[in-house]
């Protein structure tokens, strides 16, 4: 079995266009990235992801760990609690987390979804 490696993620060229988030609320966010690994049945999945500014609905269906490398956003849970994200921030989103994400500066992250 081969080890998947992504060096210098912020310097990636030729990113794959992943389109707009499914549930846009305001603005015109757009995502792109690199899929590093996707297991059988789509689990686990890891890679590099970018998203431009905008507001969209976020409904986490599987546990996700992220290391945000650049950008700024606010994740606001449906109960009103919020988490501000900035450069060099690690976060864990548990399955079932629901709320809105407002990206104010293009987000860039590496992620792992199980």
PDB file of N, CA and C in Angstrom:
ATOM      1  N   UNK A   1       0.841  -1.181   0.000  1.00  0.00           N
ATOM      2  CA  UNK A   1       0.000   0.000   0.000  1.00  0.00           C
ATOM      3  C   UNK A   1       0.886   1.245   0.000  1.00  0.00           C
ATOM      4  N   UNK A   2       0.584   2.197  -0.849  1.00  0.00           N
ATOM      5  CA  UNK A   2       1.393   3.397  -1.026  1.00  0.00           C
ATOM      6  C   UNK A   2       0.914   4.524  -0.094  1.00  0.00           C
ATOM      7  N   UNK A   3       1.852   5.318   0.422  1.00  0.00           N
ATOM      8  CA  UNK A   3       1.530   6.483   1.246  1.00  0.00           C
ATOM      9  C   UNK A   3       1.205   7.651   0.322  1.00  0.00           C
ATOM     10  N   UNK A   4       0.070   8.302   0.550  1.00  0.00           N
ATOM     11  CA  UNK A   4      -0.320   9.482  -0.235  1.00  0.00           C
ATOM     12  C   UNK A   4       0.299  10.713   0.423  1.00  0.00           C
ATOM     13  N   UNK A   5       0.956  11.550  -0.373  1.00  0.00           N
ATOM     14  CA  UNK A   5       1.661  12.721   0.153  1.00  0.00           C
ATOM     15  C   UNK A   5       1.251  13.957  -0.647  1.00  0.00           C
ATOM     16  N   UNK A   6       1.035  15.059   0.067  1.00  0.00           N
ATOM     17  CA  UNK A   6       0.746  16.355  -0.552  1.00  0.00           C
ATOM     18  C   UNK A   6       1.716  17.361   0.051  1.00  0.00           C
ATOM     19  N   UNK A   7       2.709  17.751  -0.716  1.00  0.00           N
ATOM     20  CA  UNK A   7       3.715  18.689  -0.211  1.00  0.00           C
ATOM     21  C   UNK A   7       3.328  20.119  -0.573  1.00  0.00           C
ATOM     22  N   UNK A   8       3.628  21.035   0.351  1.00  0.00           N
ATOM     23  CA  UNK A   8       3.367  22.462   0.132  1.00  0.00           C
ATOM     24  C   UNK A   8       1.949  22.723  -0.372  1.00  0.00           C
ATOM     25  N   UNK A   9       0.933  22.378   0.420  1.00  0.00           N
ATOM     26  CA  UNK A   9      -0.436  22.504  -0.071  1.00  0.00           C
ATOM     27  C   UNK A   9      -0.821  23.913  -0.527  1.00  0.00           C
ATOM     28  N   UNK A  10      -0.243  24.938   0.071  1.00  0.00           N
ATOM     29  CA  UNK A  10      -0.584  26.301  -0.333  1.00  0.00           C
ATOM     30  C   UNK A  10      -0.021  26.668  -1.704  1.00  0.00           C
ATOM     31  N   UNK A  11       0.859  25.842  -2.231  1.00  0.00           N
ATOM     32  CA  UNK A  11       1.478  26.115  -3.526  1.00  0.00           C
ATOM     33  C   UNK A  11       0.925  25.201  -4.625  1.00  0.00           C
ATOM     34  N   UNK A  12      -0.212  24.576  -4.385  1.00  0.00           N
ATOM     35  CA  UNK A  12      -0.782  23.648  -5.357  1.00  0.00           C
ATOM     36  C   UNK A  12      -1.238  24.378  -6.619  1.00  0.00           C
ATOM     37  N   UNK A  13      -0.987  23.780  -7.743  1.00  0.00           N
ATOM     38  CA  UNK A  13      -1.463  24.281  -9.032  1.00  0.00           C
ATOM     39  C   UNK A  13      -2.400  23.225  -9.605  1.00  0.00           C
ATOM     40  N   UNK A  14      -3.251  23.630 -10.502  1.00  0.00           N
ATOM     41  CA  UNK A  14      -4.128  22.670 -11.164  1.00  0.00           C
ATOM     42  C   UNK A  14      -5.165  22.065 -10.241  1.00  0.00           C
ATOM     43  N   UNK A  15      -5.733  22.875  -9.350  1.00  0.00           N
ATOM     44  CA  UNK A  15      -6.763  22.385  -8.436  1.00  0.00           C
ATOM     45  C   UNK A  15      -8.013  21.980  -9.215  1.00  0.00           C
ATOM     46  N   UNK A  16      -8.744  21.016  -8.690  1.00  0.00           N
ATOM     47  CA  UNK A  16      -9.989  20.570  -9.309  1.00  0.00           C
ATOM     48  C   UNK A  16     -11.130  21.483  -8.878  1.00  0.00           C
ATOM     49  N   UNK A  17     -11.914  21.921  -9.831  1.00  0.00           N
ATOM     50  CA  UNK A  17     -13.079  22.773  -9.547  1.00  0.00           C
ATOM     51  C   UNK A  17     -14.161  21.918  -8.895  1.00  0.00           C
ATOM     52  N   UNK A  18     -14.534  22.254  -7.660  1.00  0.00           N
ATOM     53  CA  UNK A  18     -15.572  21.511  -6.945  1.00  0.00           C
ATOM     54  C   UNK A  18     -16.884  22.292  -6.885  1.00  0.00           C
ATOM     55  N   UNK A  19     -16.953  23.445  -7.546  1.00  0.00           N
ATOM     56  CA  UNK A  19     -18.198  24.205  -7.629  1.00  0.00           C
ATOM     57  C   UNK A  19     -18.547  24.951  -6.357  1.00  0.00           C
ATOM     58  N   UNK A  20     -19.787  25.423  -6.307  1.00  0.00           N
ATOM     59  CA  UNK A  20     -20.283  26.174  -5.157  1.00  0.00           C
ATOM     60  C   UNK A  20     -20.752  25.218  -4.056  1.00  0.00           C
ATOM     61  N   UNK A  21     -20.688  25.662  -2.797  1.00  0.00           N
ATOM     62  CA  UNK A  21     -21.282  24.852  -1.739  1.00  0.00           C
ATOM     63  C   UNK A  21     -22.760  24.583  -2.071  1.00  0.00           C
ATOM     64  N   UNK A  22     -23.266  23.446  -1.621  1.00  0.00           N
ATOM     65  CA  UNK A  22     -24.629  23.028  -1.969  1.00  0.00           C
ATOM     66  C   UNK A  22     -25.712  24.001  -1.539  1.00  0.00           C
ATOM     67  N   UNK A  23     -25.533  24.642  -0.399  1.00  0.00           N
ATOM     68  CA  UNK A  23     -26.616  25.460   0.165  1.00  0.00           C
ATOM     69  C   UNK A  23     -26.168  26.899   0.390  1.00  0.00           C
ATOM     70  N   UNK A  24     -25.924  27.612  -0.712  1.00  0.00           N
ATOM     71  CA  UNK A  24     -25.513  29.016  -0.634  1.00  0.00           C
ATOM     72  C   UNK A  24     -26.648  29.860  -0.067  1.00  0.00           C
ATOM     73  N   UNK A  25     -26.295  30.809   0.822  1.00  0.00           N
ATOM     74  CA  UNK A  25     -27.268  31.726   1.401  1.00  0.00           C
ATOM     75  C   UNK A  25     -27.030  33.156   0.930  1.00  0.00           C
ATOM     76  N   UNK A  26     -25.751  33.538   0.799  1.00  0.00           N
ATOM     77  CA  UNK A  26     -25.379  34.873   0.317  1.00  0.00           C
ATOM     78  C   UNK A  26     -24.061  34.781  -0.432  1.00  0.00           C
ATOM     79  N   UNK A  27     -23.888  35.666  -1.388  1.00  0.00           N
ATOM     80  CA  UNK A  27     -22.615  35.728  -2.095  1.00  0.00           C
ATOM     81  C   UNK A  27     -22.481  34.642  -3.142  1.00  0.00           C
ATOM     82  N   UNK A  28     -21.229  34.383  -3.495  1.00  0.00           N
ATOM     83  CA  UNK A  28     -20.943  33.459  -4.594  1.00  0.00           C
ATOM     84  C   UNK A  28     -19.701  32.622  -4.264  1.00  0.00           C
ATOM     85  N   UNK A  29     -19.736  31.911  -3.129  1.00  0.00           N
ATOM     86  CA  UNK A  29     -18.588  31.063  -2.759  1.00  0.00           C
ATOM     87  C   UNK A  29     -18.324  30.024  -3.838  1.00  0.00           C
ATOM     88  N   UNK A  30     -17.073  29.687  -3.981  1.00  0.00           N
ATOM     89  CA  UNK A  30     -16.652  28.685  -4.954  1.00  0.00           C
ATOM     90  C   UNK A  30     -15.573  27.831  -4.297  1.00  0.00           C
ATOM     91  N   UNK A  31     -15.613  26.527  -4.521  1.00  0.00           N
ATOM     92  CA  UNK A  31     -14.623  25.643  -3.913  1.00  0.00           C
ATOM     93  C   UNK A  31     -13.789  24.940  -4.978  1.00  0.00           C
ATOM     94  N   UNK A  32     -12.577  24.600  -4.578  1.00  0.00           N
ATOM     95  CA  UNK A  32     -11.679  23.820  -5.419  1.00  0.00           C
ATOM     96  C   UNK A  32     -10.696  23.113  -4.506  1.00  0.00           C
ATOM     97  N   UNK A  33     -10.044  22.091  -5.023  1.00  0.00           N
ATOM     98  CA  UNK A  33      -9.101  21.385  -4.175  1.00  0.00           C
ATOM     99  C   UNK A  33      -8.432  20.215  -4.852  1.00  0.00           C
ATOM    100  N   UNK A  34      -7.798  19.408  -3.995  1.00  0.00           N
ATOM    101  CA  UNK A  34      -7.087  18.205  -4.420  1.00  0.00           C
ATOM    102  C   UNK A  34      -7.522  17.077  -3.501  1.00  0.00           C
ATOM    103  N   UNK A  35      -8.009  16.006  -4.078  1.00  0.00           N
ATOM    104  CA  UNK A  35      -8.357  14.818  -3.306  1.00  0.00           C
ATOM    105  C   UNK A  35      -7.105  13.974  -3.160  1.00  0.00           C
ATOM    106  N   UNK A  36      -6.648  13.799  -1.937  1.00  0.00           N
ATOM    107  CA  UNK A  36      -5.431  13.033  -1.681  1.00  0.00           C
ATOM    108  C   UNK A  36      -5.739  11.541  -1.560  1.00  0.00           C
ATOM    109  N   UNK A  37      -6.847  11.219  -0.919  1.00  0.00           N
ATOM    110  CA  UNK A  37      -7.238   9.821  -0.757  1.00  0.00           C
ATOM    111  C   UNK A  37      -8.742   9.741  -0.524  1.00  0.00           C
ATOM    112  N   UNK A  38      -9.354   8.724  -1.104  1.00  0.00           N
ATOM    113  CA  UNK A  38     -10.752   8.411  -0.830  1.00  0.00           C
ATOM    114  C   UNK A  38     -10.850   6.901  -0.753  1.00  0.00           C
ATOM    115  N   UNK A  39     -11.233   6.404   0.407  1.00  0.00           N
ATOM    116  CA  UNK A  39     -11.298   4.968   0.632  1.00  0.00           C
ATOM    117  C   UNK A  39     -12.526   4.332   0.006  1.00  0.00           C
ATOM    118  N   UNK A  40     -12.622   3.051   0.186  1.00  0.00           N
ATOM    119  CA  UNK A  40     -13.754   2.283  -0.326  1.00  0.00           C
ATOM    120  C   UNK A  40     -15.051   2.848   0.256  1.00  0.00           C
ATOM    121  N   UNK A  41     -16.025   3.065  -0.603  1.00  0.00           N
ATOM    122  CA  UNK A  41     -17.290   3.635  -0.158  1.00  0.00           C
ATOM    123  C   UNK A  41     -17.183   5.102   0.219  1.00  0.00           C
ATOM    124  N   UNK A  42     -16.069   5.749  -0.161  1.00  0.00           N
ATOM    125  CA  UNK A  42     -15.890   7.169   0.128  1.00  0.00           C
ATOM    126  C   UNK A  42     -15.384   7.457   1.525  1.00  0.00           C
ATOM    127  N   UNK A  43     -15.020   6.413   2.278  1.00  0.00           N
ATOM    128  CA  UNK A  43     -14.565   6.612   3.652  1.00  0.00           C
ATOM    129  C   UNK A  43     -13.239   5.927   3.858  1.00  0.00           C
ATOM    130  N   UNK A  44     -12.279   6.541   4.459  1.00  0.00           N
ATOM    131  CA  UNK A  44     -12.202   7.963   4.763  1.00  0.00           C
ATOM    132  C   UNK A  44     -11.870   8.771   3.506  1.00  0.00           C
ATOM    133  N   UNK A  45     -11.856  10.082   3.682  1.00  0.00           N
ATOM    134  CA  UNK A  45     -11.482  10.998   2.602  1.00  0.00           C
ATOM    135  C   UNK A  45     -10.578  12.071   3.187  1.00  0.00           C
ATOM    136  N   UNK A  46      -9.535  12.442   2.437  1.00  0.00           N
ATOM    137  CA  UNK A  46      -8.682  13.538   2.878  1.00  0.00           C
ATOM    138  C   UNK A  46      -8.144  14.284   1.666  1.00  0.00           C
ATOM    139  N   UNK A  47      -7.781  15.542   1.909  1.00  0.00           N
ATOM    140  CA  UNK A  47      -7.259  16.341   0.823  1.00  0.00           C
ATOM    141  C   UNK A  47      -7.036  17.782   1.212  1.00  0.00           C
ATOM    142  N   UNK A  48      -6.991  18.611   0.197  1.00  0.00           N
ATOM    143  CA  UNK A  48      -6.783  20.056   0.324  1.00  0.00           C
ATOM    144  C   UNK A  48      -7.981  20.752  -0.296  1.00  0.00           C
ATOM    145  N   UNK A  49      -8.493  21.814   0.372  1.00  0.00           N
ATOM    146  CA  UNK A  49      -9.737  22.472  -0.032  1.00  0.00           C
ATOM    147  C   UNK A  49      -9.588  23.979   0.103  1.00  0.00           C
ATOM    148  N   UNK A  50     -10.142  24.708  -0.859  1.00  0.00           N
ATOM    149  CA  UNK A  50     -10.206  26.165  -0.806  1.00  0.00           C
ATOM    150  C   UNK A  50     -11.641  26.605  -1.030  1.00  0.00           C
ATOM    151  N   UNK A  51     -12.043  27.710  -0.370  1.00  0.00           N
ATOM    152  CA  UNK A  51     -13.385  28.264  -0.557  1.00  0.00           C
ATOM    153  C   UNK A  51     -13.312  29.780  -0.511  1.00  0.00           C
ATOM    154  N   UNK A  52     -13.898  30.433  -1.511  1.00  0.00           N
ATOM    155  CA  UNK A  52     -13.915  31.891  -1.586  1.00  0.00           C
ATOM    156  C   UNK A  52     -15.048  32.446  -0.712  1.00  0.00           C
ATOM    157  N   UNK A  53     -15.032  33.767  -0.426  1.00  0.00           N
ATOM    158  CA  UNK A  53     -16.012  34.358   0.485  1.00  0.00           C
ATOM    159  C   UNK A  53     -17.476  34.159   0.086  1.00  0.00           C
ATOM    160  N   UNK A  54     -18.301  34.089   1.124  1.00  0.00           N
ATOM    161  CA  UNK A  54     -19.740  33.946   0.983  1.00  0.00           C
ATOM    162  C   UNK A  54     -20.319  33.317   2.242  1.00  0.00           C
ATOM    163  N   UNK A  55     -21.628  33.152   2.266  1.00  0.00           N
ATOM    164  CA  UNK A  55     -22.331  32.544   3.397  1.00  0.00           C
ATOM    165  C   UNK A  55     -23.094  31.339   2.888  1.00  0.00           C
ATOM    166  N   UNK A  56     -22.923  30.204   3.570  1.00  0.00           N
ATOM    167  CA  UNK A  56     -23.595  28.986   3.153  1.00  0.00           C
ATOM    168  C   UNK A  56     -23.943  28.118   4.351  1.00  0.00           C
ATOM    169  N   UNK A  57     -24.934  27.293   4.154  1.00  0.00           N
ATOM    170  CA  UNK A  57     -25.399  26.344   5.163  1.00  0.00           C
ATOM    171  C   UNK A  57     -24.430  25.170   5.223  1.00  0.00           C
ATOM    172  N   UNK A  58     -24.095  24.762   6.436  1.00  0.00           N
ATOM    173  CA  UNK A  58     -23.147  23.679   6.648  1.00  0.00           C
ATOM    174  C   UNK A  58     -23.812  22.613   7.527  1.00  0.00           C
ATOM    175  N   UNK A  59     -23.968  21.413   6.985  1.00  0.00           N
ATOM    176  CA  UNK A  59     -24.542  20.298   7.729  1.00  0.00           C
ATOM    177  C   UNK A  59     -23.547  19.142   7.656  1.00  0.00           C
ATOM    178  N   UNK A  60     -22.844  18.903   8.746  1.00  0.00           N
ATOM    179  CA  UNK A  60     -21.769  17.912   8.789  1.00  0.00           C
ATOM    180  C   UNK A  60     -22.369  16.521   8.987  1.00  0.00           C
ATOM    181  N   UNK A  61     -22.146  15.642   8.021  1.00  0.00           N
ATOM    182  CA  UNK A  61     -22.729  14.301   8.086  1.00  0.00           C
ATOM    183  C   UNK A  61     -21.737  13.249   8.598  1.00  0.00           C
ATOM    184  N   UNK A  62     -20.431  13.580   8.540  1.00  0.00           N
ATOM    185  CA  UNK A  62     -19.384  12.668   9.024  1.00  0.00           C
ATOM    186  C   UNK A  62     -18.347  13.496   9.770  1.00  0.00           C
ATOM    187  N   UNK A  63     -17.736  12.920  10.817  1.00  0.00           N
ATOM    188  CA  UNK A  63     -16.690  13.621  11.564  1.00  0.00           C
ATOM    189  C   UNK A  63     -15.644  14.176  10.602  1.00  0.00           C
ATOM    190  N   UNK A  64     -15.227  15.427  10.853  1.00  0.00           N
ATOM    191  CA  UNK A  64     -14.207  16.046  10.004  1.00  0.00           C
ATOM    192  C   UNK A  64     -13.201  16.809  10.849  1.00  0.00           C
ATOM    193  N   UNK A  65     -11.930  16.521  10.619  1.00  0.00           N
ATOM    194  CA  UNK A  65     -10.835  17.283  11.216  1.00  0.00           C
ATOM    195  C   UNK A  65     -10.251  18.177  10.127  1.00  0.00           C
ATOM    196  N   UNK A  66     -10.011  19.436  10.467  1.00  0.00           N
ATOM    197  CA  UNK A  66      -9.459  20.398   9.510  1.00  0.00           C
ATOM    198  C   UNK A  66      -8.289  21.147  10.135  1.00  0.00           C
ATOM    199  N   UNK A  67      -7.291  21.428   9.328  1.00  0.00           N
ATOM    200  CA  UNK A  67      -6.254  22.375   9.702  1.00  0.00           C
ATOM    201  C   UNK A  67      -6.349  23.508   8.685  1.00  0.00           C
ATOM    202  N   UNK A  68      -6.871  24.654   9.145  1.00  0.00           N
ATOM    203  CA  UNK A  68      -7.030  25.824   8.283  1.00  0.00           C
ATOM    204  C   UNK A  68      -5.675  26.514   8.177  1.00  0.00           C
ATOM    205  N   UNK A  69      -5.184  26.649   6.962  1.00  0.00           N
ATOM    206  CA  UNK A  69      -3.859  27.198   6.706  1.00  0.00           C
ATOM    207  C   UNK A  69      -3.893  28.708   6.487  1.00  0.00           C
ATOM    208  N   UNK A  70      -4.937  29.174   5.814  1.00  0.00           N
ATOM    209  CA  UNK A  70      -5.103  30.599   5.502  1.00  0.00           C
ATOM    210  C   UNK A  70      -6.583  30.925   5.507  1.00  0.00           C
ATOM    211  N   UNK A  71      -6.882  32.235   5.608  1.00  0.00           N
ATOM    212  CA  UNK A  71      -8.250  32.704   5.464  1.00  0.00           C
ATOM    213  C   UNK A  71      -8.933  32.985   6.788  1.00  0.00           C
ATOM    214  N   UNK A  72     -10.194  33.441   6.675  1.00  0.00           N
ATOM    215  CA  UNK A  72     -10.993  33.765   7.848  1.00  0.00           C
ATOM    216  C   UNK A  72     -12.436  33.378   7.602  1.00  0.00           C
ATOM    217  N   UNK A  73     -13.056  32.853   8.650  1.00  0.00           N
ATOM    218  CA  UNK A  73     -14.467  32.464   8.569  1.00  0.00           C
ATOM    219  C   UNK A  73     -15.052  32.422   9.972  1.00  0.00           C
ATOM    220  N   UNK A  74     -16.365  32.447  10.026  1.00  0.00           N
ATOM    221  CA  UNK A  74     -17.093  32.227  11.274  1.00  0.00           C
ATOM    222  C   UNK A  74     -18.077  31.091  11.022  1.00  0.00           C
ATOM    223  N   UNK A  75     -17.984  30.058  11.853  1.00  0.00           N
ATOM    224  CA  UNK A  75     -18.941  28.955  11.834  1.00  0.00           C
ATOM    225  C   UNK A  75     -19.905  29.199  12.984  1.00  0.00           C
ATOM    226  N   UNK A  76     -21.193  29.376  12.668  1.00  0.00           N
ATOM    227  CA  UNK A  76     -22.203  29.640  13.690  1.00  0.00           C
ATOM    228  C   UNK A  76     -23.178  28.471  13.762  1.00  0.00           C
ATOM    229  N   UNK A  77     -23.176  27.807  14.916  1.00  0.00           N
ATOM    230  CA  UNK A  77     -24.058  26.663  15.155  1.00  0.00           C
ATOM    231  C   UNK A  77     -25.503  27.149  15.230  1.00  0.00           C
ATOM    232  N   UNK A  78     -26.441  26.257  14.950  1.00  0.00           N
ATOM    233  CA  UNK A  78     -27.863  26.604  15.019  1.00  0.00           C
ATOM    234  C   UNK A  78     -28.287  27.090  16.399  1.00  0.00           C
ATOM    235  N   UNK A  79     -27.531  26.727  17.454  1.00  0.00           N
ATOM    236  CA  UNK A  79     -27.881  27.179  18.809  1.00  0.00           C
ATOM    237  C   UNK A  79     -27.320  28.568  19.120  1.00  0.00           C
ATOM    238  N   UNK A  80     -26.630  29.199  18.161  1.00  0.00           N
ATOM    239  CA  UNK A  80     -26.101  30.544  18.342  1.00  0.00           C
ATOM    240  C   UNK A  80     -24.626  30.597  18.712  1.00  0.00           C
ATOM    241  N   UNK A  81     -24.047  29.495  19.151  1.00  0.00           N
ATOM    242  CA  UNK A  81     -22.619  29.467  19.458  1.00  0.00           C
ATOM    243  C   UNK A  81     -21.824  29.602  18.164  1.00  0.00           C
ATOM    244  N   UNK A  82     -20.693  30.324  18.237  1.00  0.00           N
ATOM    245  CA  UNK A  82     -19.894  30.484  17.026  1.00  0.00           C
ATOM    246  C   UNK A  82     -18.426  30.224  17.307  1.00  0.00           C
ATOM    247  N   UNK A  83     -17.715  29.879  16.241  1.00  0.00           N
ATOM    248  CA  UNK A  83     -16.278  29.657  16.284  1.00  0.00           C
ATOM    249  C   UNK A  83     -15.656  30.442  15.150  1.00  0.00           C
ATOM    250  N   UNK A  84     -14.726  31.328  15.502  1.00  0.00           N
ATOM    251  CA  UNK A  84     -13.994  32.083  14.487  1.00  0.00           C
ATOM    252  C   UNK A  84     -12.759  31.289  14.077  1.00  0.00           C
ATOM    253  N   UNK A  85     -12.538  31.227  12.779  1.00  0.00           N
ATOM    254  CA  UNK A  85     -11.419  30.487  12.203  1.00  0.00           C
ATOM    255  C   UNK A  85     -10.462  31.476  11.559  1.00  0.00           C
ATOM    256  N   UNK A  86      -9.176  31.270  11.780  1.00  0.00           N
ATOM    257  CA  UNK A  86      -8.146  32.083  11.155  1.00  0.00           C
ATOM    258  C   UNK A  86      -6.999  31.191  10.719  1.00  0.00           C
ATOM    259  N   UNK A  87      -5.922  31.800  10.226  1.00  0.00           N
ATOM    260  CA  UNK A  87      -4.780  31.021   9.780  1.00  0.00           C
ATOM    261  C   UNK A  87      -4.207  30.157  10.905  1.00  0.00           C
ATOM    262  N   UNK A  88      -3.741  28.979  10.539  1.00  0.00           N
ATOM    263  CA  UNK A  88      -3.112  28.035  11.457  1.00  0.00           C
ATOM    264  C   UNK A  88      -4.041  27.654  12.612  1.00  0.00           C
ATOM    265  N   UNK A  89      -5.296  27.361  12.279  1.00  0.00           N
ATOM    266  CA  UNK A  89      -6.289  26.919  13.252  1.00  0.00           C
ATOM    267  C   UNK A  89      -6.705  25.494  12.925  1.00  0.00           C
ATOM    268  N   UNK A  90      -6.684  24.640  13.933  1.00  0.00           N
ATOM    269  CA  UNK A  90      -7.161  23.268  13.777  1.00  0.00           C
ATOM    270  C   UNK A  90      -8.540  23.176  14.420  1.00  0.00           C
ATOM    271  N   UNK A  91      -9.442  22.431  13.796  1.00  0.00           N
ATOM    272  CA  UNK A  91     -10.798  22.293  14.318  1.00  0.00           C
ATOM    273  C   UNK A  91     -11.345  20.907  14.002  1.00  0.00           C
ATOM    274  N   UNK A  92     -12.200  20.425  14.893  1.00  0.00           N
ATOM    275  CA  UNK A  92     -12.893  19.156  14.696  1.00  0.00           C
ATOM    276  C   UNK A  92     -14.388  19.440  14.651  1.00  0.00           C
ATOM    277  N   UNK A  93     -15.040  19.039  13.562  1.00  0.00           N
ATOM    278  CA  UNK A  93     -16.480  19.187  13.399  1.00  0.00           C
ATOM    279  C   UNK A  93     -17.114  17.804  13.551  1.00  0.00           C
ATOM    280  N   UNK A  94     -17.884  17.576  14.627  1.00  0.00           N
ATOM    281  CA  UNK A  94     -18.498  16.255  14.809  1.00  0.00           C
ATOM    282  C   UNK A  94     -19.674  16.052  13.853  1.00  0.00           C
ATOM    283  N   UNK A  95     -19.887  14.818  13.472  1.00  0.00           N
ATOM    284  CA  UNK A  95     -21.068  14.487  12.661  1.00  0.00           C
ATOM    285  C   UNK A  95     -22.297  15.010  13.389  1.00  0.00           C
ATOM    286  N   UNK A  96     -23.196  15.625  12.632  1.00  0.00           N
ATOM    287  CA  UNK A  96     -24.412  16.177  13.214  1.00  0.00           C
ATOM    288  C   UNK A  96     -24.351  17.672  13.478  1.00  0.00           C
ATOM    289  N   UNK A  97     -23.133  18.266  13.360  1.00  0.00           N
ATOM    290  CA  UNK A  97     -23.018  19.717  13.558  1.00  0.00           C
ATOM    291  C   UNK A  97     -23.765  20.415  12.421  1.00  0.00           C
ATOM    292  N   UNK A  98     -24.619  21.371  12.760  1.00  0.00           N
ATOM    293  CA  UNK A  98     -25.381  22.116  11.750  1.00  0.00           C
ATOM    294  C   UNK A  98     -25.338  23.602  12.064  1.00  0.00           C
ATOM    295  N   UNK A  99     -25.135  24.398  11.037  1.00  0.00           N
ATOM    296  CA  UNK A  99     -25.102  25.844  11.199  1.00  0.00           C
ATOM    297  C   UNK A  99     -24.737  26.497   9.890  1.00  0.00           C
ATOM    298  N   UNK A 100     -24.253  27.744   9.990  1.00  0.00           N
ATOM    299  CA  UNK A 100     -23.861  28.499   8.807  1.00  0.00           C
ATOM    300  C   UNK A 100     -22.378  28.816   8.858  1.00  0.00           C
ATOM    301  N   UNK A 101     -21.784  28.917   7.685  1.00  0.00           N
ATOM    302  CA  UNK A 101     -20.377  29.293   7.564  1.00  0.00           C
ATOM    303  C   UNK A 101     -20.304  30.575   6.743  1.00  0.00           C
ATOM    304  N   UNK A 102     -19.703  31.608   7.345  1.00  0.00           N
ATOM    305  CA  UNK A 102     -19.465  32.857   6.624  1.00  0.00           C
ATOM    306  C   UNK A 102     -17.960  33.006   6.397  1.00  0.00           C
ATOM    307  N   UNK A 103     -17.549  32.832   5.162  1.00  0.00           N
ATOM    308  CA  UNK A 103     -16.144  32.994   4.792  1.00  0.00           C
ATOM    309  C   UNK A 103     -15.930  34.454   4.408  1.00  0.00           C
ATOM    310  N   UNK A 104     -14.983  35.130   5.090  1.00  0.00           N
ATOM    311  CA  UNK A 104     -14.710  36.536   4.794  1.00  0.00           C
ATOM    312  C   UNK A 104     -13.402  36.725   4.025  1.00  0.00           C
ATOM    313  N   UNK A 105     -12.467  35.793   4.176  1.00  0.00           N
ATOM    314  CA  UNK A 105     -11.232  35.755   3.385  1.00  0.00           C
ATOM    315  C   UNK A 105     -11.060  34.308   2.941  1.00  0.00           C
ATOM    316  N   UNK A 106     -10.703  34.100   1.693  1.00  0.00           N
ATOM    317  CA  UNK A 106     -10.617  32.749   1.132  1.00  0.00           C
ATOM    318  C   UNK A 106      -9.959  31.774   2.101  1.00  0.00           C
ATOM    319  N   UNK A 107     -10.705  30.703   2.417  1.00  0.00           N
ATOM    320  CA  UNK A 107     -10.212  29.658   3.315  1.00  0.00           C
ATOM    321  C   UNK A 107      -9.405  28.637   2.534  1.00  0.00           C
ATOM    322  N   UNK A 108      -8.329  28.165   3.167  1.00  0.00           N
ATOM    323  CA  UNK A 108      -7.512  27.089   2.608  1.00  0.00           C
ATOM    324  C   UNK A 108      -7.227  26.124   3.746  1.00  0.00           C
ATOM    325  N   UNK A 109      -7.548  24.849   3.529  1.00  0.00           N
ATOM    326  CA  UNK A 109      -7.373  23.877   4.609  1.00  0.00           C
ATOM    327  C   UNK A 109      -6.962  22.523   4.064  1.00  0.00           C
ATOM    328  N   UNK A 110      -6.381  21.719   4.936  1.00  0.00           N
ATOM    329  CA  UNK A 110      -6.229  20.294   4.700  1.00  0.00           C
ATOM    330  C   UNK A 110      -7.236  19.635   5.635  1.00  0.00           C
ATOM    331  N   UNK A 111      -7.803  18.517   5.193  1.00  0.00           N
ATOM    332  CA  UNK A 111      -8.904  17.930   5.957  1.00  0.00           C
ATOM    333  C   UNK A 111      -8.864  16.406   5.905  1.00  0.00           C
ATOM    334  N   UNK A 112      -9.562  15.832   6.858  1.00  0.00           N
ATOM    335  CA  UNK A 112      -9.762  14.385   6.929  1.00  0.00           C
ATOM    336  C   UNK A 112     -11.198  14.153   7.377  1.00  0.00           C
ATOM    337  N   UNK A 113     -11.957  13.431   6.578  1.00  0.00           N
ATOM    338  CA  UNK A 113     -13.342  13.083   6.894  1.00  0.00           C
ATOM    339  C   UNK A 113     -13.402  11.574   7.071  1.00  0.00           C
ATOM    340  N   UNK A 114     -14.028  11.139   8.164  1.00  0.00           N
ATOM    341  CA  UNK A 114     -14.156   9.686   8.356  1.00  0.00           C
ATOM    342  C   UNK A 114     -15.599   9.252   8.308  1.00  0.00           C
TER     343      UNK A 114
END
